[in-house]
Amino acid sequence: MEPEPAALDAKRANPERRADRLRLIVQPVLVIILVVGVLGWAFSRDLTETQKSSLNARNIATLTWQHILLTIAIVAIVLVIAVPLGTLLTRPGYKRLAPLFVGIANIGAAAPAIGLLVLFYLASRTTGFWVGVLPIAFYSLLPVLRNTILGYQEVDDSLIDAGRGQGMSPLTVLRRVEFPMAVPFILAGLRTSLVLAVGTATLCFLVSAGGLGILIDTGYKLRDNETLIVGAVLAVALALLIDWLGALAEQYLGPKGLR
């Protein structure tokens, strides 16, 4: 007797779930190993006075915090724009505008992040935090916008009809049926945007917005391998940490019935 299709799907899903859970345990451990390892290696070396001005606990903590703030601001802007816009573009009367806005977001994703930063700097003739945040938010917009639209498109029409049959208004159906079903897709897009944001935020030093890119740039310009390695490894560790937080969000923030 052949196994039921549902049983086969469950068998395939179990190894995937175990792999995801194992990753949730291993990834933060790897981050800790990277951070402790590179800082221990750097501080155990005989550093010059120039290196000590960059590789000290206060400066590293400051640059890391700046990088985190850049990432938070970028992702907040992406969420505030992409989720409401993606929701609107799935409503009757606005669907025909979806290709236009997705195309604009595609331009942002296709353009080099460094090019967007430079163009925004030339247009604004200023530097600082927001000059670094806004172009990268545009660069990171597409995954959340596209996944928000896809999430609503994947909602079964019968569920929407059932909600309307119970007397729900369109807004109530959106809030209680469509949006919860779209949340897993939105979270998947958010996770991608988080990784894009934390990676490209290393370029924000170009417009005096701070971040770990300062260590990388300093190490490269001075041919200082210690500073270069510390900056690069900390940036990688932060990206892994942000990706882990995104995985946690996907695992625990979606509707219970869909986890």
Protein backbone atom coordinates (compact mmCIF):
# COMPACT_ATOMS: atom_id res chain seq x y z
CA MET A 1 0.00 0.00 0.00
CA GLU A 2 1.47 3.32 -1.06
CA PRO A 3 1.78 6.09 1.52
CA GLU A 4 -0.66 9.01 1.36
CA PRO A 5 0.61 12.25 -0.28
CA ALA A 6 0.10 14.09 3.02
CA ALA A 7 2.28 11.53 4.79
CA LEU A 8 5.00 11.98 2.17
CA ASP A 9 4.86 15.76 2.61
CA ALA A 10 5.16 15.33 6.38
CA LYS A 11 8.20 13.09 5.96
CA ARG A 12 9.88 15.68 3.74
CA ALA A 13 8.98 18.51 6.12
CA ASN A 14 10.40 16.85 9.23
CA PRO A 15 14.07 16.85 8.08
CA GLU A 16 13.67 20.46 6.92
CA ARG A 17 12.25 21.49 10.29
CA ARG A 18 15.05 19.70 12.12
CA ALA A 19 17.60 21.46 9.92
CA ASP A 20 15.96 24.84 10.64
CA ARG A 21 15.94 24.19 14.37
CA LEU A 22 19.56 23.06 14.29
CA ARG A 23 20.45 26.25 12.41
CA LEU A 24 18.70 28.35 15.05
CA ILE A 25 20.99 26.77 17.65
CA VAL A 26 24.24 26.71 15.66
CA GLN A 27 24.10 30.18 14.07
CA PRO A 28 24.26 32.27 17.29
CA VAL A 29 27.06 30.02 18.56
CA LEU A 30 28.98 30.70 15.36
CA VAL A 31 28.43 34.44 15.83
CA ILE A 32 29.84 34.28 19.37
CA ILE A 33 32.85 32.26 18.18
CA LEU A 34 33.56 34.78 15.40
CA VAL A 35 33.28 37.84 17.64
CA VAL A 36 35.21 36.43 20.60
CA GLY A 37 37.80 34.87 18.32
CA VAL A 38 38.58 37.96 16.23
CA LEU A 39 38.57 40.35 19.19
CA GLY A 40 40.72 38.01 21.26
CA TRP A 41 43.13 37.65 18.36
CA ALA A 42 43.32 41.41 17.75
CA PHE A 43 43.72 42.50 21.38
CA SER A 44 46.39 39.86 22.02
CA ARG A 45 48.63 41.32 19.34
CA ASP A 46 51.21 44.05 19.78
CA LEU A 47 49.23 46.91 18.26
CA THR A 48 50.68 50.23 17.20
CA GLU A 49 49.29 53.49 18.56
CA THR A 50 47.49 54.06 15.26
CA GLN A 51 45.88 50.64 15.48
CA LYS A 52 44.89 51.20 19.12
CA SER A 53 42.97 54.32 18.11
CA SER A 54 40.72 52.11 15.96
CA LEU A 55 40.89 48.77 17.76
CA ASN A 56 39.71 49.61 21.24
CA ALA A 57 36.57 48.46 22.99
CA ARG A 58 34.89 51.88 23.01
CA ASN A 59 35.41 52.57 19.31
CA ILE A 60 34.34 49.07 18.24
CA ALA A 61 31.21 49.26 20.39
CA THR A 62 30.36 52.70 18.98
CA LEU A 63 30.78 51.62 15.36
CA THR A 64 28.80 48.42 15.94
CA TRP A 65 25.96 50.37 17.54
CA GLN A 66 25.97 52.82 14.64
CA HIS A 67 25.73 49.90 12.23
CA ILE A 68 22.79 48.44 14.17
CA LEU A 69 21.00 51.80 14.17
CA LEU A 70 21.53 52.12 10.41
CA THR A 71 20.05 48.65 9.89
CA ILE A 72 17.05 49.33 12.14
CA ALA A 73 16.29 52.63 10.40
CA ILE A 74 16.58 51.05 6.94
CA VAL A 75 14.30 48.14 7.79
CA ALA A 76 11.76 50.40 9.55
CA ILE A 77 11.47 52.55 6.41
CA VAL A 78 11.15 49.46 4.23
CA LEU A 79 8.34 48.05 6.39
CA VAL A 80 6.47 51.36 6.62
CA ILE A 81 6.53 51.73 2.83
CA ALA A 82 6.46 48.19 1.44
CA VAL A 83 3.77 46.49 3.55
CA PRO A 84 1.04 49.17 3.17
CA LEU A 85 1.96 49.68 -0.50
CA GLY A 86 1.94 45.95 -1.19
CA THR A 87 -1.43 45.68 0.56
CA LEU A 88 -2.88 48.53 -1.51
CA LEU A 89 -1.60 47.04 -4.76
CA THR A 90 -3.59 43.84 -4.14
CA ARG A 91 -6.90 45.71 -3.69
CA PRO A 92 -9.42 45.95 -6.55
CA GLY A 93 -8.81 49.06 -8.60
CA TYR A 94 -5.10 49.23 -7.76
CA LYS A 95 -3.85 45.85 -9.02
CA ARG A 96 -2.97 47.27 -12.42
CA LEU A 97 -0.46 49.60 -10.73
CA ALA A 98 1.48 46.69 -9.18
CA PRO A 99 3.86 46.18 -12.15
CA LEU A 100 4.76 49.89 -12.06
CA PHE A 101 5.75 49.95 -8.40
CA VAL A 102 7.44 46.55 -8.49
CA GLY A 103 9.40 47.80 -11.52
CA ILE A 104 10.53 50.88 -9.59
CA ALA A 105 11.60 48.69 -6.68
CA ASN A 106 13.42 46.44 -9.16
CA ILE A 107 15.42 49.44 -10.34
CA GLY A 108 16.51 50.09 -6.75
CA ALA A 109 17.51 46.45 -6.26
CA ALA A 110 19.35 46.25 -9.59
CA ALA A 111 21.34 49.44 -9.12
CA PRO A 112 24.64 49.14 -7.23
CA ALA A 113 24.21 50.31 -3.64
CA ILE A 114 27.34 52.44 -3.84
CA GLY A 115 25.93 54.16 -6.92
CA LEU A 116 22.69 54.99 -5.10
CA LEU A 117 24.65 56.42 -2.17
CA VAL A 118 26.77 58.61 -4.42
CA LEU A 119 23.78 59.84 -6.44
CA PHE A 120 21.82 60.67 -3.30
CA TYR A 121 24.83 62.52 -1.91
CA LEU A 122 25.20 64.51 -5.14
CA ALA A 123 21.49 65.34 -5.15
CA SER A 124 21.34 66.39 -1.48
CA ARG A 125 24.80 67.94 -1.24
CA THR A 126 25.05 66.77 2.34
CA THR A 127 26.26 63.82 4.40
CA GLY A 128 25.15 62.07 7.54
CA PHE A 129 22.91 59.34 8.91
CA TRP A 130 19.87 59.79 6.65
CA VAL A 131 21.97 60.23 3.53
CA GLY A 132 23.22 56.70 4.20
CA VAL A 133 19.85 55.25 5.26
CA LEU A 134 17.48 56.42 2.51
CA PRO A 135 19.31 55.07 -0.58
CA ILE A 136 19.87 51.69 1.08
CA ALA A 137 16.19 51.56 2.12
CA PHE A 138 15.32 51.99 -1.57
CA TYR A 139 17.85 49.28 -2.42
CA SER A 140 16.30 46.89 0.16
CA LEU A 141 12.65 47.59 -0.67
CA LEU A 142 11.96 44.94 -3.30
CA PRO A 143 11.94 41.70 -1.22
CA VAL A 144 9.31 42.96 1.23
CA LEU A 145 7.15 44.61 -1.44
CA ARG A 146 7.21 41.59 -3.74
CA ASN A 147 6.58 39.11 -0.92
CA THR A 148 3.74 41.20 0.50
CA ILE A 149 1.99 41.14 -2.88
CA LEU A 150 2.73 37.41 -3.29
CA GLY A 151 1.44 36.68 0.22
CA TYR A 152 -1.95 38.23 -0.52
CA GLN A 153 -2.11 36.53 -3.92
CA GLU A 154 -1.58 33.14 -2.28
CA VAL A 155 -4.58 33.49 0.04
CA ASP A 156 -7.26 31.01 -1.00
CA ASP A 157 -10.29 32.80 -2.46
CA SER A 158 -12.58 30.39 -0.60
CA LEU A 159 -11.30 31.74 2.73
CA ILE A 160 -12.08 35.29 1.63
CA ASP A 161 -15.54 34.24 0.46
CA ALA A 162 -16.13 32.45 3.77
CA GLY A 163 -15.24 35.60 5.69
CA ARG A 164 -17.57 37.71 3.58
CA GLY A 165 -20.28 35.07 3.96
CA GLN A 166 -20.05 35.55 7.73
CA GLY A 167 -20.83 39.23 7.30
CA MET A 168 -17.28 40.58 7.58
CA SER A 169 -16.50 43.89 5.92
CA PRO A 170 -13.63 44.00 3.38
CA LEU A 171 -11.44 45.68 6.00
CA THR A 172 -12.23 42.97 8.56
CA VAL A 173 -11.48 40.24 6.01
CA LEU A 174 -8.16 41.93 5.30
CA ARG A 175 -7.30 42.22 8.99
CA ARG A 176 -8.48 38.82 10.20
CA VAL A 177 -8.01 36.58 7.15
CA GLU A 178 -5.77 37.94 4.41
CA PHE A 179 -3.04 39.67 6.41
CA PRO A 180 -2.41 36.77 8.86
CA MET A 181 -2.14 34.39 5.90
CA ALA A 182 0.31 36.74 4.16
CA VAL A 183 2.53 37.22 7.24
CA PRO A 184 4.88 34.25 6.53
CA PHE A 185 5.64 35.64 3.06
CA ILE A 186 6.18 39.14 4.47
CA LEU A 187 8.55 37.80 7.12
CA ALA A 188 10.54 35.89 4.48
CA GLY A 189 10.93 39.11 2.50
CA LEU A 190 11.85 41.00 5.66
CA ARG A 191 14.60 38.51 6.42
CA THR A 192 16.11 39.09 2.98
CA SER A 193 15.87 42.87 3.42
CA LEU A 194 17.55 42.64 6.83
CA VAL A 195 20.55 40.84 5.39
CA LEU A 196 20.74 43.30 2.47
CA ALA A 197 20.54 46.24 4.86
CA VAL A 198 23.24 45.07 7.26
CA GLY A 199 25.55 44.16 4.39
CA THR A 200 25.20 47.35 2.39
CA ALA A 201 25.31 49.52 5.52
CA THR A 202 29.08 48.92 5.50
CA LEU A 203 29.16 51.47 2.65
CA CYS A 204 27.60 54.21 4.77
CA PHE A 205 31.04 55.44 5.83
CA LEU A 206 31.24 57.02 2.35
CA VAL A 207 28.66 59.63 3.41
CA SER A 208 29.86 59.97 7.03
CA ALA A 209 26.99 57.88 8.40
CA GLY A 210 29.23 55.64 10.52
CA GLY A 211 29.15 51.88 10.88
CA LEU A 212 31.66 49.04 10.71
CA GLY A 213 32.66 50.08 7.21
CA ILE A 214 34.90 52.67 8.87
CA LEU A 215 37.11 49.89 10.25
CA ILE A 216 37.25 48.18 6.86
CA ASP A 217 38.06 51.43 5.07
CA THR A 218 40.72 52.39 7.65
CA GLY A 219 42.39 49.00 7.45
CA TYR A 220 42.41 49.08 3.66
CA LYS A 221 43.80 52.60 3.35
CA LEU A 222 46.52 52.08 5.97
CA ARG A 223 47.30 48.51 4.84
CA ASP A 224 46.47 47.51 8.39
CA ASN A 225 45.41 43.87 8.21
CA GLU A 226 44.39 43.68 11.87
CA THR A 227 41.88 46.53 11.58
CA LEU A 228 40.68 45.27 8.20
CA ILE A 229 40.10 41.73 9.47
CA VAL A 230 38.32 42.89 12.64
CA GLY A 231 35.98 45.14 10.65
CA ALA A 232 35.21 42.47 8.06
CA VAL A 233 34.62 39.66 10.58
CA LEU A 234 32.42 41.84 12.80
CA ALA A 235 30.35 42.83 9.76
CA VAL A 236 29.94 39.16 8.82
CA ALA A 237 29.04 38.24 12.41
CA LEU A 238 26.44 41.02 12.57
CA ALA A 239 24.91 39.87 9.27
CA LEU A 240 24.67 36.31 10.60
CA LEU A 241 23.08 37.60 13.82
CA ILE A 242 20.51 39.67 11.92
CA ASP A 243 19.74 36.69 9.68
CA TRP A 244 19.25 34.56 12.80
CA LEU A 245 16.82 37.11 14.25
CA GLY A 246 14.95 37.06 10.94
CA ALA A 247 14.77 33.26 11.11
CA LEU A 248 13.37 33.50 14.65
CA ALA A 249 10.74 35.93 13.43
CA GLU A 250 9.75 33.54 10.62
CA GLN A 251 9.56 30.67 13.12
CA TYR A 252 7.57 32.31 15.89
CA LEU A 253 5.72 35.41 14.60
CA GLY A 254 3.62 33.83 11.89
CA PRO A 255 0.12 32.41 12.49
CA LYS A 256 0.32 29.34 14.77
CA GLY A 257 -1.57 27.16 12.33
CA LEU A 258 0.98 27.85 9.57
CA ARG A 259 4.16 27.21 11.55
